C-alpha cells in the first residue's frame, strides 16, 4: 500500500511541476515590433542571396520561436513577398499586426 501512495505522490508532483514550469502553457504571441524586425532581417538576407534553407532564422534551433512561426515568416518573405523590398515587407507585416491579422 505504501508503494502505491509513493508512486501516486511522485506522479502528482511531476505533473504539477510540468504544468507550473510552463511546458503546457500557451505560447505568447510576438509583438508587432518583433514580427517586423524578424521579417525585415529575413528579407535582407534573401536580398543578399541567402536561400530559404540557409536563412539565419531557419537555422535557429535554440530560438523561442515555434516551427510554425518560423515557417510563417519565411513563407511571407520568400513566397508571398518575393517581389517586395524588406521595407515593404516590414510595413505590410506591421500594418497587418496592428489590424489584428
PDB file of N, CA and C in Angstrom:
ATOM      1  N   UNK A   1       0.818  -1.186   0.000  1.00  0.00           N
ATOM      2  CA  UNK A   1       0.000   0.000   0.000  1.00  0.00           C
ATOM      3  C   UNK A   1       0.865   1.255   0.000  1.00  0.00           C
ATOM      4  N   UNK A   2       2.008   1.181   0.717  1.00  0.00           N
ATOM      5  CA  UNK A   2       2.889   2.337   0.776  1.00  0.00           C
ATOM      6  C   UNK A   2       3.460   2.663  -0.597  1.00  0.00           C
ATOM      7  N   UNK A   3       3.779   1.622  -1.384  1.00  0.00           N
ATOM      8  CA  UNK A   3       4.344   1.840  -2.718  1.00  0.00           C
ATOM      9  C   UNK A   3       3.368   2.597  -3.611  1.00  0.00           C
ATOM     10  N   UNK A   4       2.104   2.261  -3.521  1.00  0.00           N
ATOM     11  CA  UNK A   4       1.087   2.930  -4.323  1.00  0.00           C
ATOM     12  C   UNK A   4       1.002   4.397  -3.938  1.00  0.00           C
ATOM     13  N   UNK A   5       1.050   4.678  -2.660  1.00  0.00           N
ATOM     14  CA  UNK A   5       0.983   6.067  -2.194  1.00  0.00           C
ATOM     15  C   UNK A   5       2.198   6.858  -2.663  1.00  0.00           C
ATOM     16  N   UNK A   6       3.370   6.248  -2.598  1.00  0.00           N
ATOM     17  CA  UNK A   6       4.597   6.926  -3.033  1.00  0.00           C
ATOM     18  C   UNK A   6       4.550   7.187  -4.533  1.00  0.00           C
ATOM     19  N   UNK A   7       4.159   6.193  -5.313  1.00  0.00           N
ATOM     20  CA  UNK A   7       4.075   6.366  -6.765  1.00  0.00           C
ATOM     21  C   UNK A   7       3.037   7.420  -7.132  1.00  0.00           C
ATOM     22  N   UNK A   8       1.927   7.408  -6.431  1.00  0.00           N
ATOM     23  CA  UNK A   8       0.892   8.409  -6.682  1.00  0.00           C
ATOM     24  C   UNK A   8       1.413   9.806  -6.381  1.00  0.00           C
ATOM     25  N   UNK A   9       2.135   9.956  -5.289  1.00  0.00           N
ATOM     26  CA  UNK A   9       2.711  11.251  -4.918  1.00  0.00           C
ATOM     27  C   UNK A   9       3.719  11.716  -5.967  1.00  0.00           C
ATOM     28  N   UNK A  10       4.592  10.800  -6.426  1.00  0.00           N
ATOM     29  CA  UNK A  10       5.599  11.162  -7.427  1.00  0.00           C
ATOM     30  C   UNK A  10       4.948  11.584  -8.739  1.00  0.00           C
ATOM     31  N   UNK A  11       3.931  10.850  -9.177  1.00  0.00           N
ATOM     32  CA  UNK A  11       3.253  11.198 -10.420  1.00  0.00           C
ATOM     33  C   UNK A  11       2.595  12.569 -10.313  1.00  0.00           C
ATOM     34  N   UNK A  12       1.894  12.802  -9.196  1.00  0.00           N
ATOM     35  CA  UNK A  12       1.222  14.085  -8.993  1.00  0.00           C
ATOM     36  C   UNK A  12       2.232  15.225  -8.943  1.00  0.00           C
ATOM     37  N   UNK A  13       3.333  15.023  -8.260  1.00  0.00           N
ATOM     38  CA  UNK A  13       4.368  16.056  -8.164  1.00  0.00           C
ATOM     39  C   UNK A  13       4.961  16.362  -9.530  1.00  0.00           C
ATOM     40  N   UNK A  14       5.257  15.322 -10.296  1.00  0.00           N
ATOM     41  CA  UNK A  14       5.838  15.525 -11.626  1.00  0.00           C
ATOM     42  C   UNK A  14       4.856  16.250 -12.535  1.00  0.00           C
ATOM     43  N   UNK A  15       3.573  15.888 -12.482  1.00  0.00           N
ATOM     44  CA  UNK A  15       2.576  16.540 -13.316  1.00  0.00           C
ATOM     45  C   UNK A  15       2.430  18.010 -12.942  1.00  0.00           C
ATOM     46  N   UNK A  16       2.346  18.290 -11.653  1.00  0.00           N
ATOM     47  CA  UNK A  16       2.207  19.678 -11.202  1.00  0.00           C
ATOM     48  C   UNK A  16       3.430  20.499 -11.572  1.00  0.00           C
ATOM     49  N   UNK A  17       4.607  19.908 -11.480  1.00  0.00           N
ATOM     50  CA  UNK A  17       5.831  20.613 -11.844  1.00  0.00           C
ATOM     51  C   UNK A  17       5.829  20.951 -13.325  1.00  0.00           C
ATOM     52  N   UNK A  18       5.389  20.023 -14.171  1.00  0.00           N
ATOM     53  CA  UNK A  18       5.375  20.300 -15.610  1.00  0.00           C
ATOM     54  C   UNK A  18       4.359  21.381 -15.953  1.00  0.00           C
ATOM     55  N   UNK A  19       3.250  21.423 -15.247  1.00  0.00           N
ATOM     56  CA  UNK A  19       2.243  22.452 -15.501  1.00  0.00           C
ATOM     57  C   UNK A  19       2.747  23.818 -15.058  1.00  0.00           C
ATOM     58  N   UNK A  20       3.340  23.878 -13.880  1.00  0.00           N
ATOM     59  CA  UNK A  20       3.796  25.170 -13.364  1.00  0.00           C
ATOM     60  C   UNK A  20       5.070  25.653 -14.028  1.00  0.00           C
ATOM     61  N   UNK A  21       5.837  24.748 -14.628  1.00  0.00           N
ATOM     62  CA  UNK A  21       7.076  25.182 -15.274  1.00  0.00           C
ATOM     63  C   UNK A  21       6.812  25.808 -16.632  1.00  0.00           C
ATOM     64  N   UNK A  22       5.593  25.702 -17.114  1.00  0.00           N
ATOM     65  CA  UNK A  22       5.244  26.368 -18.364  1.00  0.00           C
ATOM     66  C   UNK A  22       5.313  25.473 -19.580  1.00  0.00           C
ATOM     67  N   UNK A  23       5.616  24.203 -19.399  1.00  0.00           N
ATOM     68  CA  UNK A  23       5.724  23.333 -20.559  1.00  0.00           C
ATOM     69  C   UNK A  23       4.376  23.123 -21.238  1.00  0.00           C
ATOM     70  N   UNK A  24       3.304  23.340 -20.524  1.00  0.00           N
ATOM     71  CA  UNK A  24       1.984  23.158 -21.113  1.00  0.00           C
ATOM     72  C   UNK A  24       1.283  24.500 -21.328  1.00  0.00           C
ATOM     73  N   UNK A  25       1.955  25.575 -21.020  1.00  0.00           N
ATOM     74  CA  UNK A  25       1.354  26.899 -21.163  1.00  0.00           C
ATOM     75  C   UNK A  25       1.305  27.308 -22.629  1.00  0.00           C
ATOM     76  N   UNK A  26       0.333  28.114 -22.960  1.00  0.00           N
ATOM     77  CA  UNK A  26       0.204  28.606 -24.333  1.00  0.00           C
ATOM     78  C   UNK A  26       1.316  29.614 -24.619  1.00  0.00           C
ATOM     79  N   UNK A  27       1.891  29.542 -25.827  1.00  0.00           N
ATOM     80  CA  UNK A  27       2.953  30.498 -26.164  1.00  0.00           C
ATOM     81  C   UNK A  27       2.389  31.907 -26.307  1.00  0.00           C
ATOM     82  N   UNK A  28       3.187  32.880 -25.931  1.00  0.00           N
ATOM     83  CA  UNK A  28       2.742  34.264 -26.061  1.00  0.00           C
ATOM     84  C   UNK A  28       3.007  34.736 -27.483  1.00  0.00           C
ATOM     85  N   UNK A  29       2.087  35.480 -28.064  1.00  0.00           N
ATOM     86  CA  UNK A  29       2.289  35.952 -29.437  1.00  0.00           C
ATOM     87  C   UNK A  29       3.408  36.991 -29.498  1.00  0.00           C
ATOM     88  N   UNK A  30       4.047  37.059 -30.650  1.00  0.00           N
ATOM     89  CA  UNK A  30       5.120  38.033 -30.854  1.00  0.00           C
ATOM     90  C   UNK A  30       4.544  39.439 -30.952  1.00  0.00           C
ATOM     91  N   UNK A  31       5.267  40.397 -30.440  1.00  0.00           N
ATOM     92  CA  UNK A  31       4.833  41.789 -30.562  1.00  0.00           C
ATOM     93  C   UNK A  31       4.953  42.215 -32.024  1.00  0.00           C
ATOM     94  N   UNK A  32       4.254  43.272 -32.387  1.00  0.00           N
ATOM     95  CA  UNK A  32       4.307  43.775 -33.762  1.00  0.00           C
ATOM     96  C   UNK A  32       5.722  44.203 -34.138  1.00  0.00           C
ATOM     97  N   UNK A  33       6.418  44.842 -33.208  1.00  0.00           N
ATOM     98  CA  UNK A  33       7.788  45.275 -33.494  1.00  0.00           C
ATOM     99  C   UNK A  33       8.718  44.088 -33.714  1.00  0.00           C
ATOM    100  N   UNK A  34       8.551  43.026 -32.924  1.00  0.00           N
ATOM    101  CA  UNK A  34       9.385  41.834 -33.084  1.00  0.00           C
ATOM    102  C   UNK A  34       9.084  41.155 -34.415  1.00  0.00           C
ATOM    103  N   UNK A  35       7.809  41.051 -34.780  1.00  0.00           N
ATOM    104  CA  UNK A  35       7.450  40.458 -36.070  1.00  0.00           C
ATOM    105  C   UNK A  35       8.062  41.250 -37.216  1.00  0.00           C
ATOM    106  N   UNK A  36       7.970  42.566 -37.119  1.00  0.00           N
ATOM    107  CA  UNK A  36       8.501  43.439 -38.162  1.00  0.00           C
ATOM    108  C   UNK A  36      10.018  43.256 -38.287  1.00  0.00           C
ATOM    109  N   UNK A  37      10.711  43.189 -37.171  1.00  0.00           N
ATOM    110  CA  UNK A  37      12.160  43.024 -37.188  1.00  0.00           C
ATOM    111  C   UNK A  37      12.566  41.678 -37.794  1.00  0.00           C
ATOM    112  N   UNK A  38      11.901  40.598 -37.388  1.00  0.00           N
ATOM    113  CA  UNK A  38      12.242  39.270 -37.895  1.00  0.00           C
ATOM    114  C   UNK A  38      11.991  39.156 -39.398  1.00  0.00           C
ATOM    115  N   UNK A  39      10.864  39.689 -39.853  1.00  0.00           N
ATOM    116  CA  UNK A  39      10.568  39.667 -41.286  1.00  0.00           C
ATOM    117  C   UNK A  39      11.597  40.496 -42.058  1.00  0.00           C
ATOM    118  N   UNK A  40      11.932  41.662 -41.529  1.00  0.00           N
ATOM    119  CA  UNK A  40      12.906  42.529 -42.195  1.00  0.00           C
ATOM    120  C   UNK A  40      14.275  41.884 -42.294  1.00  0.00           C
ATOM    121  N   UNK A  41      14.721  41.234 -41.217  1.00  0.00           N
ATOM    122  CA  UNK A  41      16.027  40.564 -41.240  1.00  0.00           C
ATOM    123  C   UNK A  41      16.043  39.434 -42.259  1.00  0.00           C
ATOM    124  N   UNK A  42      14.971  38.649 -42.290  1.00  0.00           N
ATOM    125  CA  UNK A  42      14.897  37.542 -43.245  1.00  0.00           C
ATOM    126  C   UNK A  42      14.883  38.075 -44.676  1.00  0.00           C
ATOM    127  N   UNK A  43      14.179  39.183 -44.912  1.00  0.00           N
ATOM    128  CA  UNK A  43      14.116  39.769 -46.256  1.00  0.00           C
ATOM    129  C   UNK A  43      15.473  40.327 -46.678  1.00  0.00           C
ATOM    130  N   UNK A  44      16.211  40.919 -45.751  1.00  0.00           N
ATOM    131  CA  UNK A  44      17.544  41.430 -46.088  1.00  0.00           C
ATOM    132  C   UNK A  44      18.490  40.295 -46.455  1.00  0.00           C
ATOM    133  N   UNK A  45      18.384  39.177 -45.732  1.00  0.00           N
ATOM    134  CA  UNK A  45      19.206  38.015 -46.079  1.00  0.00           C
ATOM    135  C   UNK A  45      18.806  37.474 -47.446  1.00  0.00           C
ATOM    136  N   UNK A  46      17.504  37.442 -47.716  1.00  0.00           N
ATOM    137  CA  UNK A  46      17.024  36.988 -49.027  1.00  0.00           C
ATOM    138  C   UNK A  46      17.618  37.842 -50.136  1.00  0.00           C
ATOM    139  N   UNK A  47      17.636  39.167 -49.935  1.00  0.00           N
ATOM    140  CA  UNK A  47      18.176  40.078 -50.945  1.00  0.00           C
ATOM    141  C   UNK A  47      19.681  39.920 -51.131  1.00  0.00           C
ATOM    142  N   UNK A  48      20.365  39.406 -50.112  1.00  0.00           N
ATOM    143  CA  UNK A  48      21.802  39.148 -50.237  1.00  0.00           C
ATOM    144  C   UNK A  48      22.078  37.811 -50.907  1.00  0.00           C
ATOM    145  N   UNK A  49      21.021  37.079 -51.261  1.00  0.00           N
ATOM    146  CA  UNK A  49      21.180  35.815 -51.970  1.00  0.00           C
ATOM    147  C   UNK A  49      21.156  34.582 -51.088  1.00  0.00           C
ATOM    148  N   UNK A  50      20.823  34.741 -49.828  1.00  0.00           N
ATOM    149  CA  UNK A  50      20.757  33.599 -48.913  1.00  0.00           C
ATOM    150  C   UNK A  50      19.484  32.812 -49.207  1.00  0.00           C
ATOM    151  N   UNK A  51      19.633  31.502 -49.374  1.00  0.00           N
ATOM    152  CA  UNK A  51      18.465  30.671 -49.669  1.00  0.00           C
ATOM    153  C   UNK A  51      17.592  30.522 -48.429  1.00  0.00           C
ATOM    154  N   UNK A  52      16.381  30.068 -48.654  1.00  0.00           N
ATOM    155  CA  UNK A  52      15.426  29.882 -47.556  1.00  0.00           C
ATOM    156  C   UNK A  52      15.966  28.902 -46.516  1.00  0.00           C
ATOM    157  N   UNK A  53      16.597  27.828 -46.980  1.00  0.00           N
ATOM    158  CA  UNK A  53      17.123  26.817 -46.059  1.00  0.00           C
ATOM    159  C   UNK A  53      18.325  27.319 -45.267  1.00  0.00           C
ATOM    160  N   UNK A  54      19.084  28.237 -45.837  1.00  0.00           N
ATOM    161  CA  UNK A  54      20.284  28.744 -45.166  1.00  0.00           C
ATOM    162  C   UNK A  54      20.038  30.042 -44.413  1.00  0.00           C
ATOM    163  N   UNK A  55      18.813  30.509 -44.411  1.00  0.00           N
ATOM    164  CA  UNK A  55      18.482  31.742 -43.703  1.00  0.00           C
ATOM    165  C   UNK A  55      18.754  31.551 -42.213  1.00  0.00           C
ATOM    166  N   UNK A  56      19.282  32.583 -41.578  1.00  0.00           N
ATOM    167  CA  UNK A  56      19.603  32.515 -40.149  1.00  0.00           C
ATOM    168  C   UNK A  56      18.391  32.112 -39.327  1.00  0.00           C
ATOM    169  N   UNK A  57      17.239  32.620 -39.682  1.00  0.00           N
ATOM    170  CA  UNK A  57      16.010  32.325 -38.948  1.00  0.00           C
ATOM    171  C   UNK A  57      15.665  30.838 -39.021  1.00  0.00           C
ATOM    172  N   UNK A  58      15.906  30.220 -40.174  1.00  0.00           N
ATOM    173  CA  UNK A  58      15.586  28.802 -40.349  1.00  0.00           C
ATOM    174  C   UNK A  58      16.530  27.908 -39.556  1.00  0.00           C
ATOM    175  N   UNK A  59      17.685  28.420 -39.209  1.00  0.00           N
ATOM    176  CA  UNK A  59      18.693  27.613 -38.524  1.00  0.00           C
ATOM    177  C   UNK A  59      18.854  27.970 -37.052  1.00  0.00           C
ATOM    178  N   UNK A  60      17.838  28.572 -36.460  1.00  0.00           N
ATOM    179  CA  UNK A  60      17.906  28.917 -35.039  1.00  0.00           C
ATOM    180  C   UNK A  60      17.216  27.835 -34.233  1.00  0.00           C
ATOM    181  N   UNK A  61      17.988  26.880 -33.760  1.00  0.00           N
ATOM    182  CA  UNK A  61      17.425  25.760 -33.013  1.00  0.00           C
ATOM    183  C   UNK A  61      17.046  26.146 -31.584  1.00  0.00           C
ATOM    184  N   UNK A  62      17.790  27.056 -30.985  1.00  0.00           N
ATOM    185  CA  UNK A  62      17.531  27.405 -29.590  1.00  0.00           C
ATOM    186  C   UNK A  62      16.643  28.637 -29.460  1.00  0.00           C
ATOM    187  N   UNK A  63      15.883  28.906 -30.488  1.00  0.00           N
ATOM    188  CA  UNK A  63      15.040  30.099 -30.521  1.00  0.00           C
ATOM    189  C   UNK A  63      13.779  29.909 -29.689  1.00  0.00           C
ATOM    190  N   UNK A  64      13.185  31.015 -29.283  1.00  0.00           N
ATOM    191  CA  UNK A  64      11.895  30.974 -28.596  1.00  0.00           C
ATOM    192  C   UNK A  64      10.746  30.861 -29.595  1.00  0.00           C
ATOM    193  N   UNK A  65      11.058  30.942 -30.873  1.00  0.00           N
ATOM    194  CA  UNK A  65      10.033  30.849 -31.911  1.00  0.00           C
ATOM    195  C   UNK A  65       9.635  29.397 -32.138  1.00  0.00           C
ATOM    196  N   UNK A  66       8.370  29.189 -32.440  1.00  0.00           N
ATOM    197  CA  UNK A  66       7.918  27.845 -32.791  1.00  0.00           C
ATOM    198  C   UNK A  66       8.237  27.580 -34.258  1.00  0.00           C
ATOM    199  N   UNK A  67       8.181  26.322 -34.644  1.00  0.00           N
ATOM    200  CA  UNK A  67       8.438  25.970 -36.045  1.00  0.00           C
ATOM    201  C   UNK A  67       7.420  26.635 -36.969  1.00  0.00           C
ATOM    202  N   UNK A  68       6.176  26.751 -36.501  1.00  0.00           N
ATOM    203  CA  UNK A  68       5.138  27.383 -37.323  1.00  0.00           C
ATOM    204  C   UNK A  68       5.407  28.870 -37.509  1.00  0.00           C
ATOM    205  N   UNK A  69       5.896  29.537 -36.465  1.00  0.00           N
ATOM    206  CA  UNK A  69       6.213  30.961 -36.589  1.00  0.00           C
ATOM    207  C   UNK A  69       7.353  31.175 -37.577  1.00  0.00           C
ATOM    208  N   UNK A  70       8.367  30.326 -37.504  1.00  0.00           N
ATOM    209  CA  UNK A  70       9.492  30.436 -38.433  1.00  0.00           C
ATOM    210  C   UNK A  70       9.020  30.176 -39.856  1.00  0.00           C
ATOM    211  N   UNK A  71       8.206  29.128 -40.041  1.00  0.00           N
ATOM    212  CA  UNK A  71       7.691  28.809 -41.377  1.00  0.00           C
ATOM    213  C   UNK A  71       6.853  29.962 -41.917  1.00  0.00           C
ATOM    214  N   UNK A  72       6.020  30.552 -41.080  1.00  0.00           N
ATOM    215  CA  UNK A  72       5.174  31.671 -41.498  1.00  0.00           C
ATOM    216  C   UNK A  72       6.022  32.857 -41.953  1.00  0.00           C
ATOM    217  N   UNK A  73       7.045  33.181 -41.194  1.00  0.00           N
ATOM    218  CA  UNK A  73       7.915  34.306 -41.554  1.00  0.00           C
ATOM    219  C   UNK A  73       8.615  34.034 -42.878  1.00  0.00           C
ATOM    220  N   UNK A  74       9.181  32.838 -43.020  1.00  0.00           N
ATOM    221  CA  UNK A  74       9.898  32.519 -44.258  1.00  0.00           C
ATOM    222  C   UNK A  74       8.953  32.458 -45.456  1.00  0.00           C
ATOM    223  N   UNK A  75       7.723  31.969 -45.257  1.00  0.00           N
ATOM    224  CA  UNK A  75       6.737  31.960 -46.344  1.00  0.00           C
ATOM    225  C   UNK A  75       6.404  33.380 -46.787  1.00  0.00           C
ATOM    226  N   UNK A  76       6.224  34.268 -45.818  1.00  0.00           N
ATOM    227  CA  UNK A  76       5.897  35.660 -46.161  1.00  0.00           C
ATOM    228  C   UNK A  76       7.040  36.347 -46.897  1.00  0.00           C
ATOM    229  N   UNK A  77       8.264  35.989 -46.572  1.00  0.00           N
ATOM    230  CA  UNK A  77       9.423  36.644 -47.188  1.00  0.00           C
ATOM    231  C   UNK A  77       9.773  36.016 -48.531  1.00  0.00           C
ATOM    232  N   UNK A  78       9.851  34.689 -48.583  1.00  0.00           N
ATOM    233  CA  UNK A  78      10.339  34.015 -49.783  1.00  0.00           C
ATOM    234  C   UNK A  78       9.247  33.680 -50.792  1.00  0.00           C
ATOM    235  N   UNK A  79       7.994  33.600 -50.378  1.00  0.00           N
ATOM    236  CA  UNK A  79       6.925  33.233 -51.311  1.00  0.00           C
ATOM    237  C   UNK A  79       6.002  34.423 -51.567  1.00  0.00           C
ATOM    238  N   UNK A  80       5.264  34.844 -50.549  1.00  0.00           N
ATOM    239  CA  UNK A  80       4.288  35.926 -50.736  1.00  0.00           C
ATOM    240  C   UNK A  80       4.951  37.267 -51.022  1.00  0.00           C
ATOM    241  N   UNK A  81       6.113  37.509 -50.421  1.00  0.00           N
ATOM    242  CA  UNK A  81       6.755  38.811 -50.588  1.00  0.00           C
ATOM    243  C   UNK A  81       8.011  38.780 -51.425  1.00  0.00           C
ATOM    244  N   UNK A  82       8.096  37.811 -52.340  1.00  0.00           N
ATOM    245  CA  UNK A  82       9.353  37.660 -53.083  1.00  0.00           C
ATOM    246  C   UNK A  82       9.685  38.857 -53.968  1.00  0.00           C
ATOM    247  N   UNK A  83       8.698  39.646 -54.360  1.00  0.00           N
ATOM    248  CA  UNK A  83       8.978  40.815 -55.204  1.00  0.00           C
ATOM    249  C   UNK A  83       8.983  42.120 -54.403  1.00  0.00           C
ATOM    250  N   UNK A  84       8.862  42.011 -53.082  1.00  0.00           N
ATOM    251  CA  UNK A  84       8.825  43.204 -52.232  1.00  0.00           C
ATOM    252  C   UNK A  84      10.192  43.468 -51.597  1.00  0.00           C
ATOM    253  N   UNK A  85      10.451  44.728 -51.315  1.00  0.00           N
ATOM    254  CA  UNK A  85      11.680  45.095 -50.614  1.00  0.00           C
ATOM    255  C   UNK A  85      11.506  44.792 -49.126  1.00  0.00           C
ATOM    256  N   UNK A  86      12.610  44.718 -48.379  1.00  0.00           N
ATOM    257  CA  UNK A  86      12.482  44.499 -46.933  1.00  0.00           C
ATOM    258  C   UNK A  86      11.608  45.550 -46.246  1.00  0.00           C
ATOM    259  N   UNK A  87      11.728  46.808 -46.649  1.00  0.00           N
ATOM    260  CA  UNK A  87      10.901  47.853 -46.032  1.00  0.00           C
ATOM    261  C   UNK A  87       9.419  47.657 -46.339  1.00  0.00           C
ATOM    262  N   UNK A  88       9.101  47.236 -47.560  1.00  0.00           N
ATOM    263  CA  UNK A  88       7.703  46.982 -47.910  1.00  0.00           C
ATOM    264  C   UNK A  88       7.145  45.810 -47.103  1.00  0.00           C
ATOM    265  N   UNK A  89       7.958  44.782 -46.924  1.00  0.00           N
ATOM    266  CA  UNK A  89       7.523  43.628 -46.135  1.00  0.00           C
ATOM    267  C   UNK A  89       7.291  44.041 -44.687  1.00  0.00           C
ATOM    268  N   UNK A  90       8.224  44.803 -44.127  1.00  0.00           N
ATOM    269  CA  UNK A  90       8.071  45.258 -42.735  1.00  0.00           C
ATOM    270  C   UNK A  90       6.815  46.101 -42.572  1.00  0.00           C
ATOM    271  N   UNK A  91       6.564  47.008 -43.523  1.00  0.00           N
ATOM    272  CA  UNK A  91       5.363  47.850 -43.451  1.00  0.00           C
ATOM    273  C   UNK A  91       4.094  47.008 -43.519  1.00  0.00           C
ATOM    274  N   UNK A  92       4.086  46.024 -44.414  1.00  0.00           N
ATOM    275  CA  UNK A  92       2.930  45.150 -44.566  1.00  0.00           C
ATOM    276  C   UNK A  92       2.683  44.340 -43.293  1.00  0.00           C
ATOM    277  N   UNK A  93       3.748  43.771 -42.746  1.00  0.00           N
ATOM    278  CA  UNK A  93       3.625  42.963 -41.529  1.00  0.00           C
ATOM    279  C   UNK A  93       3.143  43.820 -40.366  1.00  0.00           C
ATOM    280  N   UNK A  94       3.701  45.008 -40.227  1.00  0.00           N
ATOM    281  CA  UNK A  94       3.307  45.885 -39.126  1.00  0.00           C
ATOM    282  C   UNK A  94       1.843  46.312 -39.266  1.00  0.00           C
ATOM    283  N   UNK A  95       1.437  46.637 -40.487  1.00  0.00           N
ATOM    284  CA  UNK A  95       0.042  47.014 -40.720  1.00  0.00           C
ATOM    285  C   UNK A  95      -0.914  45.879 -40.409  1.00  0.00           C
ATOM    286  N   UNK A  96      -0.571  44.666 -40.869  1.00  0.00           N
ATOM    287  CA  UNK A  96      -1.414  43.503 -40.580  1.00  0.00           C
ATOM    288  C   UNK A  96      -1.479  43.224 -39.085  1.00  0.00           C
ATOM    289  N   UNK A  97      -0.361  43.375 -38.423  1.00  0.00           N
ATOM    290  CA  UNK A  97      -0.310  43.121 -36.981  1.00  0.00           C
ATOM    291  C   UNK A  97      -1.170  44.134 -36.224  1.00  0.00           C
ATOM    292  N   UNK A  98      -1.082  45.379 -36.602  1.00  0.00           N
ATOM    293  CA  UNK A  98      -1.873  46.418 -35.938  1.00  0.00           C
ATOM    294  C   UNK A  98      -3.372  46.204 -36.148  1.00  0.00           C
ATOM    295  N   UNK A  99      -3.728  45.623 -37.298  1.00  0.00           N
ATOM    296  CA  UNK A  99      -5.137  45.361 -37.603  1.00  0.00           C
ATOM    297  C   UNK A  99      -5.602  44.007 -37.078  1.00  0.00           C
ATOM    298  N   UNK A 100      -4.711  43.287 -36.396  1.00  0.00           N
ATOM    299  CA  UNK A 100      -5.085  42.012 -35.797  1.00  0.00           C
ATOM    300  C   UNK A 100      -5.060  40.830 -36.728  1.00  0.00           C
ATOM    301  N   UNK A 101      -4.354  40.921 -37.837  1.00  0.00           N
ATOM    302  CA  UNK A 101      -4.274  39.785 -38.771  1.00  0.00           C
ATOM    303  C   UNK A 101      -3.012  39.016 -38.579  1.00  0.00           C
TER     304      UNK A 101
END
